[in-house]
Amino acid sequence: MANESLNEIKEKLSAFIETIDSVDPETTDMADIDEWLEILEQLEAKVKSIK
């Protein structure tokens, strides 16, 4: 179970990093940043749940 959760976290983090890497700072708005912060909060909660 924990191994599956860890793999899920790795996949989501990888997708998040790819998204951030492809961002154009000129077109990024607060809604985008809020969405990314929500994703990070979800990842943090998932990590805490498998500790």
Protein backbone atom coordinates (compact mmCIF):
# COMPACT_ATOMS: atom_id res chain seq x y z
CA MET A 1 0.00 0.00 0.00
CA ALA A 2 2.67 2.51 1.00
CA ASN A 3 4.72 1.61 -2.06
CA GLU A 4 1.75 2.27 -4.35
CA SER A 5 1.11 5.57 -2.61
CA LEU A 6 4.76 6.53 -2.94
CA ASN A 7 4.68 5.78 -6.67
CA GLU A 8 1.52 7.85 -7.01
CA ILE A 9 3.22 10.77 -5.24
CA LYS A 10 6.27 10.47 -7.48
CA GLU A 11 4.10 10.51 -10.62
CA LYS A 12 2.12 13.55 -9.45
CA LEU A 13 5.28 15.39 -8.42
CA SER A 14 6.90 14.63 -11.77
CA ALA A 15 3.84 15.95 -13.63
CA PHE A 16 3.84 19.04 -11.41
CA ILE A 17 7.51 19.73 -12.15
CA GLU A 18 6.94 19.32 -15.89
CA THR A 19 4.07 21.81 -15.69
CA ILE A 20 6.14 24.36 -13.77
CA ASP A 21 9.06 23.94 -16.18
CA SER A 22 6.82 24.72 -19.14
CA VAL A 23 5.25 27.86 -17.64
CA ASP A 24 5.57 31.16 -19.43
CA PRO A 25 6.02 33.76 -16.67
CA GLU A 26 4.51 36.43 -18.90
CA THR A 27 1.16 34.63 -19.11
CA THR A 28 0.97 33.14 -15.61
CA ASP A 29 -1.70 34.58 -13.36
CA MET A 30 -2.74 34.18 -9.75
CA ALA A 31 -5.27 31.48 -10.60
CA ASP A 32 -2.45 29.33 -11.99
CA ILE A 33 -0.36 29.85 -8.88
CA ASP A 34 -3.32 29.07 -6.62
CA GLU A 35 -3.89 25.83 -8.53
CA TRP A 36 -0.23 24.82 -8.14
CA LEU A 37 -0.32 25.58 -4.43
CA GLU A 38 -3.38 23.36 -4.09
CA ILE A 39 -1.55 20.54 -5.88
CA LEU A 40 1.41 20.94 -3.50
CA GLU A 41 -0.93 20.85 -0.51
CA GLN A 42 -2.51 17.64 -1.82
CA LEU A 43 0.92 16.08 -2.29
CA GLU A 44 1.95 17.13 1.21
CA ALA A 45 -1.18 15.57 2.70
CA LYS A 46 -0.54 12.36 0.77
CA VAL A 47 3.06 12.20 2.03
CA LYS A 48 1.92 12.75 5.62
CA SER A 49 -0.70 10.01 5.26
CA ILE A 50 1.93 7.37 4.44
CA LYS A 51 4.48 8.29 7.12
